[in-house]
Amino acid sequence: MKLWNDFLVRIGLKRPPGPRYFELDETLSLKLVALADQERRPAREVQADLIETGLSQRDNQNELVRRWQSLSVREQQITALTCLGYTNGQIAVRLSISIETVKTHMRNLLVKFDLHGKAQVKKALEKWDFSEWEK
């Protein structure tokens, strides 16, 4: 089997084993080289780290979206208003519900997001734009 795989690699029908690298346009390549020089590391190592970090961040965002989609509409409203800086009392007035109902929804969304407080919700979703929820 190894001979067959080696043959396929030699004729270009299969990629050789090992790490793969990606071609970059000139601007990105220059930035990568400058960063590698600054960190005193090989450019390919920096490139691999950047790709791994980017993929990890994307996975984290996808997980946040999945959790957001698991929220009820009311929980989404409360999450958005919380991220916009509204207090429980302000949320209750705005949504015409009791403060206790706001607290109940908050507890539920904290469980769904596996977080422990409003500050963590705000931090987790800090890059999200909730400005449309204020209308």
N, C-alpha and C. Protein backbone atom coordinates (compact mmCIF):
# COMPACT_ATOMS: atom_id res chain seq x y z
N MET A 1 0.82 -1.19 0.00
CA MET A 1 0.00 0.00 0.00
C MET A 1 0.86 1.25 0.00
N LYS A 2 1.98 1.22 0.73
CA LYS A 2 2.86 2.38 0.79
C LYS A 2 3.42 2.70 -0.59
N LEU A 3 3.79 1.68 -1.35
CA LEU A 3 4.31 1.91 -2.70
C LEU A 3 3.25 2.59 -3.57
N TRP A 4 2.03 2.15 -3.44
CA TRP A 4 0.94 2.74 -4.22
C TRP A 4 0.75 4.22 -3.86
N ASN A 5 0.73 4.52 -2.56
CA ASN A 5 0.60 5.91 -2.10
C ASN A 5 1.77 6.76 -2.59
N ASP A 6 2.99 6.22 -2.50
CA ASP A 6 4.16 6.95 -2.99
C ASP A 6 4.04 7.24 -4.48
N PHE A 7 3.55 6.24 -5.24
CA PHE A 7 3.36 6.42 -6.68
C PHE A 7 2.36 7.54 -6.96
N LEU A 8 1.23 7.53 -6.24
CA LEU A 8 0.20 8.55 -6.44
C LEU A 8 0.72 9.95 -6.10
N VAL A 9 1.55 10.05 -5.08
CA VAL A 9 2.17 11.34 -4.72
C VAL A 9 3.09 11.79 -5.84
N ARG A 10 3.91 10.86 -6.38
CA ARG A 10 4.89 11.22 -7.42
C ARG A 10 4.23 11.71 -8.71
N ILE A 11 3.08 11.13 -9.04
CA ILE A 11 2.43 11.56 -10.29
C ILE A 11 1.44 12.70 -10.07
N GLY A 12 1.34 13.16 -8.81
CA GLY A 12 0.53 14.34 -8.52
C GLY A 12 -0.94 14.08 -8.28
N LEU A 13 -1.34 12.84 -8.10
CA LEU A 13 -2.74 12.52 -7.83
C LEU A 13 -3.07 12.51 -6.35
N LYS A 14 -2.05 12.61 -5.54
CA LYS A 14 -2.26 12.63 -4.09
C LYS A 14 -1.23 13.58 -3.49
N ARG A 15 -1.66 14.29 -2.43
CA ARG A 15 -0.75 15.21 -1.75
C ARG A 15 0.20 14.42 -0.85
N PRO A 16 1.42 14.92 -0.74
CA PRO A 16 2.34 14.25 0.19
C PRO A 16 1.87 14.45 1.63
N PRO A 17 2.18 13.48 2.49
CA PRO A 17 1.79 13.63 3.90
C PRO A 17 2.54 14.78 4.55
N GLY A 18 1.99 15.28 5.63
CA GLY A 18 2.66 16.35 6.36
C GLY A 18 1.85 17.63 6.29
N PRO A 19 2.41 18.68 6.87
CA PRO A 19 1.68 19.95 6.91
C PRO A 19 1.47 20.53 5.52
N ARG A 20 0.37 21.25 5.38
CA ARG A 20 0.07 21.93 4.12
C ARG A 20 0.16 23.42 4.36
N TYR A 21 0.62 24.13 3.36
CA TYR A 21 0.75 25.57 3.45
C TYR A 21 -0.06 26.20 2.33
N PHE A 22 -0.45 27.44 2.54
CA PHE A 22 -1.33 28.11 1.61
C PHE A 22 -0.61 29.30 0.99
N GLU A 23 -0.91 29.53 -0.28
CA GLU A 23 -0.34 30.69 -0.95
C GLU A 23 -1.09 31.94 -0.49
N LEU A 24 -0.35 33.01 -0.30
CA LEU A 24 -0.92 34.28 0.13
C LEU A 24 -0.66 35.33 -0.92
N ASP A 25 -1.55 36.31 -0.98
CA ASP A 25 -1.26 37.42 -1.88
C ASP A 25 -0.08 38.21 -1.30
N GLU A 26 0.47 39.12 -2.07
CA GLU A 26 1.70 39.80 -1.67
C GLU A 26 1.54 40.59 -0.37
N THR A 27 0.41 41.28 -0.22
CA THR A 27 0.20 42.09 0.98
C THR A 27 0.18 41.22 2.23
N LEU A 28 -0.58 40.13 2.18
CA LEU A 28 -0.63 39.23 3.35
C LEU A 28 0.72 38.58 3.60
N SER A 29 1.39 38.22 2.53
CA SER A 29 2.71 37.60 2.68
C SER A 29 3.69 38.53 3.37
N LEU A 30 3.67 39.81 2.99
CA LEU A 30 4.56 40.79 3.63
C LEU A 30 4.22 40.97 5.10
N LYS A 31 2.93 41.02 5.41
CA LYS A 31 2.51 41.15 6.81
C LYS A 31 2.93 39.93 7.62
N LEU A 32 2.79 38.76 7.02
CA LEU A 32 3.18 37.52 7.70
C LEU A 32 4.69 37.50 7.97
N VAL A 33 5.47 37.87 6.99
CA VAL A 33 6.93 37.90 7.16
C VAL A 33 7.32 38.91 8.23
N ALA A 34 6.68 40.08 8.21
CA ALA A 34 6.99 41.10 9.22
C ALA A 34 6.65 40.59 10.62
N LEU A 35 5.50 39.93 10.76
CA LEU A 35 5.11 39.38 12.06
C LEU A 35 6.07 38.28 12.49
N ALA A 36 6.46 37.43 11.56
CA ALA A 36 7.41 36.35 11.87
C ALA A 36 8.75 36.93 12.31
N ASP A 37 9.20 37.97 11.62
CA ASP A 37 10.46 38.62 12.00
C ASP A 37 10.35 39.22 13.40
N GLN A 38 9.23 39.86 13.65
CA GLN A 38 9.01 40.48 14.97
C GLN A 38 9.01 39.43 16.08
N GLU A 39 8.42 38.28 15.80
CA GLU A 39 8.35 37.21 16.81
C GLU A 39 9.57 36.29 16.77
N ARG A 40 10.45 36.53 15.79
CA ARG A 40 11.66 35.70 15.62
C ARG A 40 11.29 34.22 15.50
N ARG A 41 10.34 33.98 14.60
CA ARG A 41 9.89 32.60 14.33
C ARG A 41 9.80 32.41 12.82
N PRO A 42 9.81 31.17 12.38
CA PRO A 42 9.64 30.92 10.94
C PRO A 42 8.24 31.35 10.48
N ALA A 43 8.17 31.91 9.28
CA ALA A 43 6.89 32.40 8.75
C ALA A 43 5.85 31.28 8.65
N ARG A 44 6.29 30.09 8.27
CA ARG A 44 5.33 28.98 8.15
C ARG A 44 4.73 28.61 9.50
N GLU A 45 5.52 28.72 10.55
CA GLU A 45 5.01 28.43 11.89
C GLU A 45 3.99 29.48 12.31
N VAL A 46 4.28 30.74 12.03
CA VAL A 46 3.35 31.83 12.35
C VAL A 46 2.06 31.66 11.53
N GLN A 47 2.22 31.32 10.26
CA GLN A 47 1.05 31.10 9.40
C GLN A 47 0.17 29.99 9.96
N ALA A 48 0.76 28.89 10.37
CA ALA A 48 -0.01 27.78 10.92
C ALA A 48 -0.72 28.21 12.20
N ASP A 49 -0.03 28.96 13.06
CA ASP A 49 -0.65 29.43 14.31
C ASP A 49 -1.83 30.37 14.03
N LEU A 50 -1.66 31.26 13.05
CA LEU A 50 -2.74 32.20 12.72
C LEU A 50 -3.97 31.47 12.18
N ILE A 51 -3.74 30.49 11.33
CA ILE A 51 -4.86 29.73 10.78
C ILE A 51 -5.56 28.95 11.89
N GLU A 52 -4.78 28.33 12.76
CA GLU A 52 -5.38 27.58 13.87
C GLU A 52 -6.18 28.50 14.79
N THR A 53 -5.64 29.68 15.09
CA THR A 53 -6.35 30.64 15.93
C THR A 53 -7.64 31.11 15.26
N GLY A 54 -7.56 31.41 13.98
CA GLY A 54 -8.74 31.86 13.24
C GLY A 54 -9.83 30.79 13.21
N LEU A 55 -9.44 29.56 12.99
CA LEU A 55 -10.42 28.47 12.97
C LEU A 55 -11.04 28.26 14.35
N SER A 56 -10.24 28.39 15.38
CA SER A 56 -10.74 28.27 16.74
C SER A 56 -11.74 29.37 17.06
N GLN A 57 -11.42 30.60 16.67
CA GLN A 57 -12.34 31.72 16.90
C GLN A 57 -13.64 31.52 16.12
N ARG A 58 -13.52 31.00 14.93
CA ARG A 58 -14.73 30.74 14.12
C ARG A 58 -15.58 29.66 14.78
N ASP A 59 -14.94 28.62 15.30
CA ASP A 59 -15.68 27.57 16.01
C ASP A 59 -16.40 28.15 17.22
N ASN A 60 -15.72 29.04 17.96
CA ASN A 60 -16.34 29.67 19.13
C ASN A 60 -17.55 30.49 18.73
N GLN A 61 -17.44 31.26 17.65
CA GLN A 61 -18.57 32.06 17.18
C GLN A 61 -19.72 31.17 16.72
N ASN A 62 -19.40 30.08 16.03
CA ASN A 62 -20.44 29.15 15.60
C ASN A 62 -21.17 28.55 16.79
N GLU A 63 -20.43 28.27 17.86
CA GLU A 63 -21.05 27.74 19.07
C GLU A 63 -21.95 28.78 19.71
N LEU A 64 -21.52 30.04 19.73
CA LEU A 64 -22.37 31.11 20.27
C LEU A 64 -23.64 31.25 19.44
N VAL A 65 -23.53 31.17 18.14
CA VAL A 65 -24.72 31.25 17.29
C VAL A 65 -25.66 30.09 17.58
N ARG A 66 -25.11 28.90 17.72
CA ARG A 66 -25.93 27.72 18.04
C ARG A 66 -26.67 27.92 19.36
N ARG A 67 -25.97 28.43 20.35
CA ARG A 67 -26.61 28.67 21.65
C ARG A 67 -27.65 29.78 21.54
N TRP A 68 -27.36 30.83 20.78
CA TRP A 68 -28.31 31.92 20.57
C TRP A 68 -29.60 31.36 19.96
N GLN A 69 -29.45 30.48 18.99
CA GLN A 69 -30.61 29.91 18.32
C GLN A 69 -31.42 29.00 19.24
N SER A 70 -30.82 28.51 20.31
CA SER A 70 -31.53 27.67 21.27
C SER A 70 -32.39 28.50 22.23
N LEU A 71 -32.18 29.82 22.25
CA LEU A 71 -32.95 30.69 23.13
C LEU A 71 -34.35 30.92 22.58
N SER A 72 -35.30 31.10 23.48
CA SER A 72 -36.63 31.52 23.06
C SER A 72 -36.55 32.97 22.58
N VAL A 73 -37.59 33.42 21.90
CA VAL A 73 -37.61 34.81 21.43
C VAL A 73 -37.47 35.76 22.62
N ARG A 74 -38.16 35.49 23.71
CA ARG A 74 -38.09 36.35 24.88
C ARG A 74 -36.69 36.34 25.48
N GLU A 75 -36.06 35.17 25.54
CA GLU A 75 -34.69 35.10 26.05
C GLU A 75 -33.73 35.88 25.15
N GLN A 76 -33.96 35.83 23.84
CA GLN A 76 -33.14 36.61 22.92
C GLN A 76 -33.32 38.11 23.18
N GLN A 77 -34.56 38.52 23.40
CA GLN A 77 -34.82 39.94 23.69
C GLN A 77 -34.08 40.37 24.94
N ILE A 78 -34.17 39.57 25.97
CA ILE A 78 -33.53 39.91 27.24
C ILE A 78 -32.01 39.90 27.10
N THR A 79 -31.49 38.95 26.35
CA THR A 79 -30.04 38.91 26.10
C THR A 79 -29.59 40.17 25.37
N ALA A 80 -30.31 40.53 24.32
CA ALA A 80 -29.94 41.71 23.53
C ALA A 80 -29.99 42.97 24.38
N LEU A 81 -31.06 43.13 25.14
CA LEU A 81 -31.19 44.33 25.97
C LEU A 81 -30.14 44.36 27.07
N THR A 82 -29.81 43.21 27.61
CA THR A 82 -28.74 43.13 28.61
C THR A 82 -27.42 43.58 27.99
N CYS A 83 -27.13 43.09 26.79
CA CYS A 83 -25.89 43.47 26.12
C CYS A 83 -25.86 44.95 25.76
N LEU A 84 -27.03 45.55 25.63
CA LEU A 84 -27.12 46.98 25.37
C LEU A 84 -27.03 47.81 26.64
N GLY A 85 -26.93 47.13 27.79
CA GLY A 85 -26.72 47.83 29.06
C GLY A 85 -27.98 48.11 29.87
N TYR A 86 -29.10 47.55 29.47
CA TYR A 86 -30.33 47.75 30.23
C TYR A 86 -30.29 46.95 31.53
N THR A 87 -30.89 47.49 32.57
CA THR A 87 -31.01 46.78 33.84
C THR A 87 -32.23 45.87 33.76
N ASN A 88 -32.36 44.97 34.74
CA ASN A 88 -33.54 44.10 34.78
C ASN A 88 -34.83 44.93 34.85
N GLY A 89 -34.81 45.97 35.66
CA GLY A 89 -35.99 46.83 35.79
C GLY A 89 -36.35 47.51 34.47
N GLN A 90 -35.35 48.01 33.78
CA GLN A 90 -35.59 48.65 32.49
C GLN A 90 -36.11 47.65 31.45
N ILE A 91 -35.56 46.45 31.48
CA ILE A 91 -36.01 45.40 30.56
C ILE A 91 -37.46 45.05 30.86
N ALA A 92 -37.79 44.92 32.14
CA ALA A 92 -39.16 44.58 32.53
C ALA A 92 -40.15 45.62 32.02
N VAL A 93 -39.83 46.90 32.21
CA VAL A 93 -40.71 47.97 31.75
C VAL A 93 -40.83 47.94 30.23
N ARG A 94 -39.71 47.81 29.56
CA ARG A 94 -39.69 47.83 28.10
C ARG A 94 -40.50 46.69 27.50
N LEU A 95 -40.43 45.51 28.13
CA LEU A 95 -41.13 44.33 27.58
C LEU A 95 -42.49 44.09 28.25
N SER A 96 -42.86 44.95 29.18
CA SER A 96 -44.14 44.83 29.91
C SER A 96 -44.27 43.47 30.61
N ILE A 97 -43.21 43.11 31.32
CA ILE A 97 -43.21 41.89 32.12
C ILE A 97 -42.64 42.24 33.50
N SER A 98 -42.78 41.31 34.44
CA SER A 98 -42.28 41.58 35.79
C SER A 98 -40.77 41.38 35.85
N ILE A 99 -40.16 41.99 36.86
CA ILE A 99 -38.72 41.81 37.07
C ILE A 99 -38.41 40.34 37.34
N GLU A 100 -39.30 39.67 38.06
CA GLU A 100 -39.08 38.24 38.34
C GLU A 100 -39.06 37.42 37.06
N THR A 101 -39.90 37.79 36.10
CA THR A 101 -39.91 37.10 34.81
C THR A 101 -38.60 37.35 34.06
N VAL A 102 -38.12 38.57 34.12
CA VAL A 102 -36.81 38.88 33.51
C VAL A 102 -35.74 38.02 34.16
N LYS A 103 -35.75 37.93 35.48
CA LYS A 103 -34.74 37.14 36.19
C LYS A 103 -34.83 35.66 35.80
N THR A 104 -36.04 35.15 35.65
CA THR A 104 -36.22 33.75 35.26
C THR A 104 -35.64 33.50 33.87
N HIS A 105 -35.96 34.39 32.93
CA HIS A 105 -35.41 34.25 31.59
C HIS A 105 -33.88 34.38 31.61
N MET A 106 -33.38 35.27 32.44
CA MET A 106 -31.93 35.46 32.55
C MET A 106 -31.27 34.17 33.06
N ARG A 107 -31.86 33.55 34.09
CA ARG A 107 -31.32 32.29 34.60
C ARG A 107 -31.31 31.23 33.50
N ASN A 108 -32.39 31.17 32.73
CA ASN A 108 -32.47 30.16 31.65
C ASN A 108 -31.40 30.39 30.58
N LEU A 109 -31.22 31.65 30.20
CA LEU A 109 -30.23 31.91 29.15
C LEU A 109 -28.82 31.70 29.67
N LEU A 110 -28.58 31.97 30.94
CA LEU A 110 -27.26 31.70 31.50
C LEU A 110 -26.94 30.21 31.46
N VAL A 111 -27.94 29.39 31.74
CA VAL A 111 -27.75 27.94 31.67
C VAL A 111 -27.46 27.53 30.23
N LYS A 112 -28.24 28.04 29.29
CA LYS A 112 -28.07 27.67 27.88
C LYS A 112 -26.72 28.11 27.32
N PHE A 113 -26.20 29.23 27.81
CA PHE A 113 -24.90 29.72 27.36
C PHE A 113 -23.76 29.19 28.25
N ASP A 114 -24.12 28.49 29.33
CA ASP A 114 -23.13 27.98 30.29
C ASP A 114 -22.28 29.12 30.84
N LEU A 115 -22.97 30.19 31.25
CA LEU A 115 -22.31 31.35 31.83
C LEU A 115 -22.84 31.59 33.24
N HIS A 116 -22.19 32.52 33.98
CA HIS A 116 -22.54 32.70 35.38
C HIS A 116 -23.00 34.10 35.75
N GLY A 117 -23.19 34.96 34.78
CA GLY A 117 -23.67 36.29 35.11
C GLY A 117 -23.78 37.17 33.89
N LYS A 118 -24.41 38.32 34.09
CA LYS A 118 -24.61 39.27 32.99
C LYS A 118 -23.29 39.73 32.38
N ALA A 119 -22.30 39.94 33.21
CA ALA A 119 -21.01 40.41 32.70
C ALA A 119 -20.42 39.40 31.71
N GLN A 120 -20.59 38.12 32.00
CA GLN A 120 -20.07 37.10 31.10
C GLN A 120 -20.87 37.07 29.79
N VAL A 121 -22.18 37.30 29.88
CA VAL A 121 -23.00 37.38 28.67
C VAL A 121 -22.51 38.53 27.79
N LYS A 122 -22.34 39.69 28.41
CA LYS A 122 -21.86 40.86 27.66
C LYS A 122 -20.50 40.59 27.03
N LYS A 123 -19.60 39.96 27.76
CA LYS A 123 -18.26 39.66 27.25
C LYS A 123 -18.32 38.67 26.09
N ALA A 124 -19.13 37.62 26.25
CA ALA A 124 -19.22 36.59 25.21
C ALA A 124 -19.77 37.16 23.90
N LEU A 125 -20.69 38.12 24.01
CA LEU A 125 -21.36 38.64 22.82
C LEU A 125 -20.93 40.08 22.49
N GLU A 126 -19.79 40.50 23.00
CA GLU A 126 -19.37 41.89 22.85
C GLU A 126 -19.19 42.33 21.40
N LYS A 127 -18.92 41.42 20.51
CA LYS A 127 -18.71 41.78 19.10
C LYS A 127 -20.01 41.77 18.30
N TRP A 128 -21.08 41.36 18.92
CA TRP A 128 -22.37 41.31 18.23
C TRP A 128 -23.03 42.68 18.26
N ASP A 129 -23.74 43.01 17.21
CA ASP A 129 -24.44 44.29 17.10
C ASP A 129 -25.91 44.10 17.45
N PHE A 130 -26.32 44.64 18.58
CA PHE A 130 -27.70 44.53 19.03
C PHE A 130 -28.47 45.84 18.85
N SER A 131 -27.93 46.77 18.09
CA SER A 131 -28.56 48.08 17.96
C SER A 131 -29.98 48.01 17.40
N GLU A 132 -30.28 47.05 16.59
CA GLU A 132 -31.64 46.90 16.02
C GLU A 132 -32.66 46.56 17.11
N TRP A 133 -32.21 46.00 18.22
CA TRP A 133 -33.11 45.59 19.30
C TRP A 133 -33.60 46.79 20.10
N GLU A 134 -32.98 47.93 19.94
CA GLU A 134 -33.40 49.12 20.69
C GLU A 134 -34.61 49.80 20.05
N LYS A 135 -34.93 49.43 18.84
CA LYS A 135 -36.03 50.09 18.13
C LYS A 135 -37.38 49.58 18.60
